[in-house]
Amino acid sequence: MSRSTSKDPCKSSACRIQTCLKEHKFDETKCYDVLEDMRQCCLKFHKVSICCSGIKLERNYRLEKEAAERERQEKQHSKQ
């Protein structure tokens, strides 16, 4: 697949990230799901997708989301 002639396979994921970040005032923690979708796309297409140039393939956003949710729940329980 040529970068110049073919549609980037991860472009729609990249656009969803930008939309999510704008909607949530650039709070990355609110966009873990779309960030993980992008990472999954880049795991498949990083060699042909120009959109994947800044994505850290080893970073698992779903695990980070789960950890953040657990931390939030622990804080709520400790306040009660």
PDB file of N, CA and C in Angstrom:
ATOM      1  N   MET A   1       0.849  -1.185   0.000  1.00  0.00           N
ATOM      2  CA  MET A   1       0.000   0.000   0.000  1.00  0.00           C
ATOM      3  C   MET A   1       0.886   1.237   0.000  1.00  0.00           C
ATOM      4  N   SER A   2       0.683   2.074  -0.920  1.00  0.00           N
ATOM      5  CA  SER A   2       1.443   3.311  -1.016  1.00  0.00           C
ATOM      6  C   SER A   2       0.790   4.392  -0.167  1.00  0.00           C
ATOM      7  N   ARG A   3       1.578   5.087   0.599  1.00  0.00           N
ATOM      8  CA  ARG A   3       1.032   6.142   1.461  1.00  0.00           C
ATOM      9  C   ARG A   3       0.402   7.270   0.660  1.00  0.00           C
ATOM     10  N   SER A   4       0.931   7.533  -0.507  1.00  0.00           N
ATOM     11  CA  SER A   4       0.441   8.679  -1.265  1.00  0.00           C
ATOM     12  C   SER A   4      -0.845   8.382  -2.040  1.00  0.00           C
ATOM     13  N   THR A   5      -1.102   7.120  -2.391  1.00  0.00           N
ATOM     14  CA  THR A   5      -2.251   6.820  -3.225  1.00  0.00           C
ATOM     15  C   THR A   5      -3.393   6.143  -2.475  1.00  0.00           C
ATOM     16  N   SER A   6      -3.143   5.559  -1.328  1.00  0.00           N
ATOM     17  CA  SER A   6      -4.186   4.829  -0.615  1.00  0.00           C
ATOM     18  C   SER A   6      -4.642   5.585   0.618  1.00  0.00           C
ATOM     19  N   LYS A   7      -5.866   5.306   1.026  1.00  0.00           N
ATOM     20  CA  LYS A   7      -6.409   5.910   2.234  1.00  0.00           C
ATOM     21  C   LYS A   7      -5.690   5.323   3.448  1.00  0.00           C
ATOM     22  N   ASP A   8      -5.331   6.155   4.380  1.00  0.00           N
ATOM     23  CA  ASP A   8      -4.654   5.692   5.591  1.00  0.00           C
ATOM     24  C   ASP A   8      -5.639   4.856   6.410  1.00  0.00           C
ATOM     25  N   PRO A   9      -5.292   3.611   6.735  1.00  0.00           N
ATOM     26  CA  PRO A   9      -6.233   2.740   7.439  1.00  0.00           C
ATOM     27  C   PRO A   9      -6.561   3.183   8.864  1.00  0.00           C
ATOM     28  N   CYS A  10      -5.761   4.056   9.445  1.00  0.00           N
ATOM     29  CA  CYS A  10      -6.002   4.495  10.823  1.00  0.00           C
ATOM     30  C   CYS A  10      -6.468   5.952  10.906  1.00  0.00           C
ATOM     31  N   LYS A  11      -6.733   6.560   9.778  1.00  0.00           N
ATOM     32  CA  LYS A  11      -7.130   7.980   9.784  1.00  0.00           C
ATOM     33  C   LYS A  11      -8.429   8.202  10.553  1.00  0.00           C
ATOM     34  N   SER A  12      -9.418   7.333  10.377  1.00  0.00           N
ATOM     35  CA  SER A  12     -10.688   7.543  11.076  1.00  0.00           C
ATOM     36  C   SER A  12     -10.502   7.431  12.590  1.00  0.00           C
ATOM     37  N   SER A  13      -9.621   6.544  13.030  1.00  0.00           N
ATOM     38  CA  SER A  13      -9.321   6.434  14.469  1.00  0.00           C
ATOM     39  C   SER A  13      -8.656   7.705  14.971  1.00  0.00           C
ATOM     40  N   ALA A  14      -7.744   8.241  14.184  1.00  0.00           N
ATOM     41  CA  ALA A  14      -7.056   9.476  14.568  1.00  0.00           C
ATOM     42  C   ALA A  14      -8.049  10.634  14.675  1.00  0.00           C
ATOM     43  N   CYS A  15      -9.009  10.683  13.761  1.00  0.00           N
ATOM     44  CA  CYS A  15     -10.029  11.737  13.805  1.00  0.00           C
ATOM     45  C   CYS A  15     -10.908  11.597  15.046  1.00  0.00           C
ATOM     46  N   ARG A  16     -11.235  10.361  15.411  1.00  0.00           N
ATOM     47  CA  ARG A  16     -12.050  10.140  16.619  1.00  0.00           C
ATOM     48  C   ARG A  16     -11.294  10.597  17.871  1.00  0.00           C
ATOM     49  N   ILE A  17      -9.988  10.408  17.891  1.00  0.00           N
ATOM     50  CA  ILE A  17      -9.189  10.875  19.026  1.00  0.00           C
ATOM     51  C   ILE A  17      -9.278  12.391  19.136  1.00  0.00           C
ATOM     52  N   GLN A  18      -9.083  13.090  18.032  1.00  0.00           N
ATOM     53  CA  GLN A  18      -9.141  14.554  18.059  1.00  0.00           C
ATOM     54  C   GLN A  18     -10.504  15.052  18.524  1.00  0.00           C
ATOM     55  N   THR A  19     -11.560  14.421  18.041  1.00  0.00           N
ATOM     56  CA  THR A  19     -12.914  14.806  18.447  1.00  0.00           C
ATOM     57  C   THR A  19     -13.105  14.589  19.940  1.00  0.00           C
ATOM     58  N   CYS A  20     -12.687  13.427  20.421  1.00  0.00           N
ATOM     59  CA  CYS A  20     -12.842  13.112  21.843  1.00  0.00           C
ATOM     60  C   CYS A  20     -12.051  14.091  22.713  1.00  0.00           C
ATOM     61  N   LEU A  21     -10.821  14.348  22.342  1.00  0.00           N
ATOM     62  CA  LEU A  21      -9.995  15.257  23.135  1.00  0.00           C
ATOM     63  C   LEU A  21     -10.597  16.664  23.177  1.00  0.00           C
ATOM     64  N   LYS A  22     -11.110  17.136  22.052  1.00  0.00           N
ATOM     65  CA  LYS A  22     -11.738  18.459  22.022  1.00  0.00           C
ATOM     66  C   LYS A  22     -12.981  18.492  22.907  1.00  0.00           C
ATOM     67  N   GLU A  23     -13.790  17.424  22.831  1.00  0.00           N
ATOM     68  CA  GLU A  23     -15.017  17.370  23.627  1.00  0.00           C
ATOM     69  C   GLU A  23     -14.738  17.321  25.123  1.00  0.00           C
ATOM     70  N   HIS A  24     -13.583  16.796  25.497  1.00  0.00           N
ATOM     71  CA  HIS A  24     -13.242  16.632  26.916  1.00  0.00           C
ATOM     72  C   HIS A  24     -12.098  17.543  27.357  1.00  0.00           C
ATOM     73  N   LYS A  25     -11.978  18.662  26.677  1.00  0.00           N
ATOM     74  CA  LYS A  25     -10.977  19.686  27.038  1.00  0.00           C
ATOM     75  C   LYS A  25      -9.577  19.091  27.167  1.00  0.00           C
ATOM     76  N   PHE A  26      -9.258  18.185  26.237  1.00  0.00           N
ATOM     77  CA  PHE A  26      -7.944  17.556  26.109  1.00  0.00           C
ATOM     78  C   PHE A  26      -7.531  16.752  27.336  1.00  0.00           C
ATOM     79  N   ASP A  27      -8.534  16.204  28.034  1.00  0.00           N
ATOM     80  CA  ASP A  27      -8.280  15.286  29.149  1.00  0.00           C
ATOM     81  C   ASP A  27      -8.166  13.877  28.573  1.00  0.00           C
ATOM     82  N   GLU A  28      -6.944  13.420  28.426  1.00  0.00           N
ATOM     83  CA  GLU A  28      -6.670  12.118  27.812  1.00  0.00           C
ATOM     84  C   GLU A  28      -7.370  10.968  28.537  1.00  0.00           C
ATOM     85  N   THR A  29      -7.551  11.097  29.848  1.00  0.00           N
ATOM     86  CA  THR A  29      -8.174  10.009  30.607  1.00  0.00           C
ATOM     87  C   THR A  29      -9.621   9.767  30.188  1.00  0.00           C
ATOM     88  N   LYS A  30     -10.259  10.756  29.605  1.00  0.00           N
ATOM     89  CA  LYS A  30     -11.644  10.606  29.146  1.00  0.00           C
ATOM     90  C   LYS A  30     -11.719   9.930  27.776  1.00  0.00           C
ATOM     91  N   CYS A  31     -10.585   9.720  27.155  1.00  0.00           N
ATOM     92  CA  CYS A  31     -10.547   9.196  25.781  1.00  0.00           C
ATOM     93  C   CYS A  31      -9.794   7.871  25.670  1.00  0.00           C
ATOM     94  N   TYR A  32      -9.646   7.169  26.779  1.00  0.00           N
ATOM     95  CA  TYR A  32      -8.889   5.920  26.744  1.00  0.00           C
ATOM     96  C   TYR A  32      -9.435   4.927  25.725  1.00  0.00           C
ATOM     97  N   ASP A  33     -10.752   4.837  25.573  1.00  0.00           N
ATOM     98  CA  ASP A  33     -11.326   3.869  24.638  1.00  0.00           C
ATOM     99  C   ASP A  33     -10.918   4.162  23.194  1.00  0.00           C
ATOM    100  N   VAL A  34     -11.018   5.419  22.786  1.00  0.00           N
ATOM    101  CA  VAL A  34     -10.649   5.740  21.404  1.00  0.00           C
ATOM    102  C   VAL A  34      -9.137   5.685  21.209  1.00  0.00           C
ATOM    103  N   LEU A  35      -8.380   6.011  22.240  1.00  0.00           N
ATOM    104  CA  LEU A  35      -6.928   5.876  22.152  1.00  0.00           C
ATOM    105  C   LEU A  35      -6.534   4.413  21.994  1.00  0.00           C
ATOM    106  N   GLU A  36      -7.206   3.532  22.709  1.00  0.00           N
ATOM    107  CA  GLU A  36      -6.918   2.105  22.579  1.00  0.00           C
ATOM    108  C   GLU A  36      -7.329   1.588  21.207  1.00  0.00           C
ATOM    109  N   ASP A  37      -8.445   2.071  20.679  1.00  0.00           N
ATOM    110  CA  ASP A  37      -8.842   1.679  19.324  1.00  0.00           C
ATOM    111  C   ASP A  37      -7.767   2.084  18.316  1.00  0.00           C
ATOM    112  N   MET A  38      -7.221   3.264  18.496  1.00  0.00           N
ATOM    113  CA  MET A  38      -6.151   3.739  17.614  1.00  0.00           C
ATOM    114  C   MET A  38      -4.926   2.851  17.759  1.00  0.00           C
ATOM    115  N   ARG A  39      -4.568   2.519  18.984  1.00  0.00           N
ATOM    116  CA  ARG A  39      -3.400   1.664  19.214  1.00  0.00           C
ATOM    117  C   ARG A  39      -3.586   0.305  18.534  1.00  0.00           C
ATOM    118  N   GLN A  40      -4.793  -0.238  18.637  1.00  0.00           N
ATOM    119  CA  GLN A  40      -5.066  -1.524  18.002  1.00  0.00           C
ATOM    120  C   GLN A  40      -4.931  -1.418  16.480  1.00  0.00           C
ATOM    121  N   CYS A  41      -5.417  -0.339  15.906  1.00  0.00           N
ATOM    122  CA  CYS A  41      -5.266  -0.114  14.472  1.00  0.00           C
ATOM    123  C   CYS A  41      -3.778  -0.032  14.110  1.00  0.00           C
ATOM    124  N   CYS A  42      -3.035   0.695  14.915  1.00  0.00           N
ATOM    125  CA  CYS A  42      -1.615   0.876  14.633  1.00  0.00           C
ATOM    126  C   CYS A  42      -0.813  -0.412  14.832  1.00  0.00           C
ATOM    127  N   LEU A  43      -1.255  -1.262  15.735  1.00  0.00           N
ATOM    128  CA  LEU A  43      -0.586  -2.557  15.870  1.00  0.00           C
ATOM    129  C   LEU A  43      -0.669  -3.330  14.556  1.00  0.00           C
ATOM    130  N   LYS A  44      -1.774  -3.165  13.853  1.00  0.00           N
ATOM    131  CA  LYS A  44      -1.956  -3.857  12.572  1.00  0.00           C
ATOM    132  C   LYS A  44      -1.285  -3.132  11.413  1.00  0.00           C
ATOM    133  N   PHE A  45      -1.368  -1.793  11.421  1.00  0.00           N
ATOM    134  CA  PHE A  45      -1.000  -1.023  10.225  1.00  0.00           C
ATOM    135  C   PHE A  45       0.139  -0.025  10.426  1.00  0.00           C
ATOM    136  N   HIS A  46       0.922  -0.128  11.502  1.00  0.00           N
ATOM    137  CA  HIS A  46       1.932   0.898  11.776  1.00  0.00           C
ATOM    138  C   HIS A  46       2.962   1.067  10.659  1.00  0.00           C
ATOM    139  N   LYS A  47       3.153   0.051   9.861  1.00  0.00           N
ATOM    140  CA  LYS A  47       4.139   0.164   8.780  1.00  0.00           C
ATOM    141  C   LYS A  47       3.624   0.958   7.591  1.00  0.00           C
ATOM    142  N   VAL A  48       2.296   1.101   7.476  1.00  0.00           N
ATOM    143  CA  VAL A  48       1.736   1.817   6.326  1.00  0.00           C
ATOM    144  C   VAL A  48       0.920   3.050   6.724  1.00  0.00           C
ATOM    145  N   SER A  49       0.640   3.229   7.991  1.00  0.00           N
ATOM    146  CA  SER A  49      -0.189   4.352   8.428  1.00  0.00           C
ATOM    147  C   SER A  49       0.673   5.497   8.937  1.00  0.00           C
ATOM    148  N   ILE A  50       0.559   6.626   8.287  1.00  0.00           N
ATOM    149  CA  ILE A  50       1.289   7.811   8.726  1.00  0.00           C
ATOM    150  C   ILE A  50       0.704   8.354  10.033  1.00  0.00           C
ATOM    151  N   CYS A  51      -0.567   8.054  10.301  1.00  0.00           N
ATOM    152  CA  CYS A  51      -1.230   8.508  11.526  1.00  0.00           C
ATOM    153  C   CYS A  51      -0.643   7.851  12.775  1.00  0.00           C
ATOM    154  N   CYS A  52       0.069   6.761  12.604  1.00  0.00           N
ATOM    155  CA  CYS A  52       0.589   6.003  13.750  1.00  0.00           C
ATOM    156  C   CYS A  52       1.963   6.475  14.220  1.00  0.00           C
ATOM    157  N   SER A  53       2.492   7.505  13.608  1.00  0.00           N
ATOM    158  CA  SER A  53       3.860   7.909  13.912  1.00  0.00           C
ATOM    159  C   SER A  53       4.079   8.293  15.376  1.00  0.00           C
ATOM    160  N   GLY A  54       3.065   8.794  16.065  1.00  0.00           N
ATOM    161  CA  GLY A  54       3.248   9.196  17.462  1.00  0.00           C
ATOM    162  C   GLY A  54       2.630   8.258  18.479  1.00  0.00           C
ATOM    163  N   ILE A  55       2.112   7.132  18.028  1.00  0.00           N
ATOM    164  CA  ILE A  55       1.427   6.198  18.927  1.00  0.00           C
ATOM    165  C   ILE A  55       2.424   5.226  19.538  1.00  0.00           C
ATOM    166  N   LYS A  56       2.361   5.101  20.854  1.00  0.00           N
ATOM    167  CA  LYS A  56       3.219   4.140  21.567  1.00  0.00           C
ATOM    168  C   LYS A  56       2.497   2.798  21.577  1.00  0.00           C
ATOM    169  N   LEU A  57       2.973   1.884  20.766  1.00  0.00           N
ATOM    170  CA  LEU A  57       2.297   0.596  20.600  1.00  0.00           C
ATOM    171  C   LEU A  57       2.288  -0.238  21.866  1.00  0.00           C
ATOM    172  N   GLU A  58       3.253  -0.026  22.743  1.00  0.00           N
ATOM    173  CA  GLU A  58       3.330  -0.827  23.972  1.00  0.00           C
ATOM    174  C   GLU A  58       2.406  -0.313  25.084  1.00  0.00           C
ATOM    175  N   ARG A  59       1.836   0.857  24.905  1.00  0.00           N
ATOM    176  CA  ARG A  59       0.975   1.450  25.933  1.00  0.00           C
ATOM    177  C   ARG A  59      -0.447   0.916  25.800  1.00  0.00           C
ATOM    178  N   ASN A  60      -0.966   0.289  26.850  1.00  0.00           N
ATOM    179  CA  ASN A  60      -2.304  -0.294  26.817  1.00  0.00           C
ATOM    180  C   ASN A  60      -3.277   0.644  27.536  1.00  0.00           C
ATOM    181  N   TYR A  61      -4.090   1.346  26.770  1.00  0.00           N
ATOM    182  CA  TYR A  61      -4.991   2.346  27.332  1.00  0.00           C
ATOM    183  C   TYR A  61      -6.150   1.715  28.101  1.00  0.00           C
ATOM    184  N   ARG A  62      -6.551   0.509  27.721  1.00  0.00           N
ATOM    185  CA  ARG A  62      -7.633  -0.152  28.462  1.00  0.00           C
ATOM    186  C   ARG A  62      -7.188  -0.476  29.878  1.00  0.00           C
ATOM    187  N   LEU A  63      -5.951  -0.942  30.031  1.00  0.00           N
ATOM    188  CA  LEU A  63      -5.438  -1.222  31.376  1.00  0.00           C
ATOM    189  C   LEU A  63      -5.328   0.060  32.189  1.00  0.00           C
ATOM    190  N   GLU A  64      -4.894   1.126  31.546  1.00  0.00           N
ATOM    191  CA  GLU A  64      -4.798   2.414  32.236  1.00  0.00           C
ATOM    192  C   GLU A  64      -6.183   2.903  32.664  1.00  0.00           C
ATOM    193  N   LYS A  65      -7.179   2.708  31.809  1.00  0.00           N
ATOM    194  CA  LYS A  65      -8.545   3.113  32.137  1.00  0.00           C
ATOM    195  C   LYS A  65      -9.047   2.325  33.342  1.00  0.00           C
ATOM    196  N   GLU A  66      -8.819   1.021  33.336  1.00  0.00           N
ATOM    197  CA  GLU A  66      -9.261   0.189  34.454  1.00  0.00           C
ATOM    198  C   GLU A  66      -8.577   0.613  35.755  1.00  0.00           C
ATOM    199  N   ALA A  67      -7.290   0.902  35.698  1.00  0.00           N
ATOM    200  CA  ALA A  67      -6.556   1.334  36.884  1.00  0.00           C
ATOM    201  C   ALA A  67      -7.087   2.679  37.384  1.00  0.00           C
ATOM    202  N   ALA A  68      -7.371   3.599  36.478  1.00  0.00           N
ATOM    203  CA  ALA A  68      -7.896   4.914  36.857  1.00  0.00           C
ATOM    204  C   ALA A  68      -9.275   4.780  37.496  1.00  0.00           C
ATOM    205  N   GLU A  69     -10.094   3.890  36.956  1.00  0.00           N
ATOM    206  CA  GLU A  69     -11.433   3.684  37.527  1.00  0.00           C
ATOM    207  C   GLU A  69     -11.345   3.057  38.917  1.00  0.00           C
ATOM    208  N   ARG A  70     -10.437   2.105  39.102  1.00  0.00           N
ATOM    209  CA  ARG A  70     -10.250   1.508  40.432  1.00  0.00           C
ATOM    210  C   ARG A  70      -9.794   2.559  41.432  1.00  0.00           C
ATOM    211  N   GLU A  71      -8.866   3.402  41.022  1.00  0.00           N
ATOM    212  CA  GLU A  71      -8.357   4.458  41.901  1.00  0.00           C
ATOM    213  C   GLU A  71      -9.470   5.430  42.279  1.00  0.00           C
ATOM    214  N   ARG A  72     -10.302   5.784  41.316  1.00  0.00           N
ATOM    215  CA  ARG A  72     -11.422   6.696  41.569  1.00  0.00           C
ATOM    216  C   ARG A  72     -12.408   6.059  42.568  1.00  0.00           C
ATOM    217  N   GLN A  73     -12.702   4.779  42.398  1.00  0.00           N
ATOM    218  CA  GLN A  73     -13.615   4.092  43.303  1.00  0.00           C
ATOM    219  C   GLN A  73     -13.026   4.012  44.706  1.00  0.00           C
ATOM    220  N   GLU A  74     -11.733   3.753  44.819  1.00  0.00           N
ATOM    221  CA  GLU A  74     -11.089   3.695  46.124  1.00  0.00           C
ATOM    222  C   GLU A  74     -11.154   5.040  46.836  1.00  0.00           C
ATOM    223  N   LYS A  75     -10.969   6.117  46.090  1.00  0.00           N
ATOM    224  CA  LYS A  75     -11.058   7.451  46.684  1.00  0.00           C
ATOM    225  C   LYS A  75     -12.462   7.743  47.176  1.00  0.00           C
ATOM    226  N   GLN A  76     -13.464   7.322  46.404  1.00  0.00           N
ATOM    227  CA  GLN A  76     -14.848   7.547  46.798  1.00  0.00           C
ATOM    228  C   GLN A  76     -15.183   6.753  48.063  1.00  0.00           C
ATOM    229  N   HIS A  77     -14.701   5.511  48.145  1.00  0.00           N
ATOM    230  CA  HIS A  77     -14.959   4.691  49.326  1.00  0.00           C
ATOM    231  C   HIS A  77     -14.248   5.227  50.565  1.00  0.00           C
ATOM    232  N   SER A  78     -13.064   5.787  50.383  1.00  0.00           N
ATOM    233  CA  SER A  78     -12.327   6.303  51.527  1.00  0.00           C
ATOM    234  C   SER A  78     -12.953   7.591  52.068  1.00  0.00           C
ATOM    235  N   LYS A  79     -13.709   8.321  51.237  1.00  0.00           N
ATOM    236  CA  LYS A  79     -14.377   9.544  51.681  1.00  0.00           C
ATOM    237  C   LYS A  79     -15.640   9.250  52.503  1.00  0.00           C
ATOM    238  N   GLN A  80     -16.189   8.044  52.347  1.00  0.00           N
ATOM    239  CA  GLN A  80     -17.444   7.723  53.030  1.00  0.00           C
ATOM    240  C   GLN A  80     -17.241   7.301  54.434  1.00  0.00           C
TER     241      GLN A  80
END
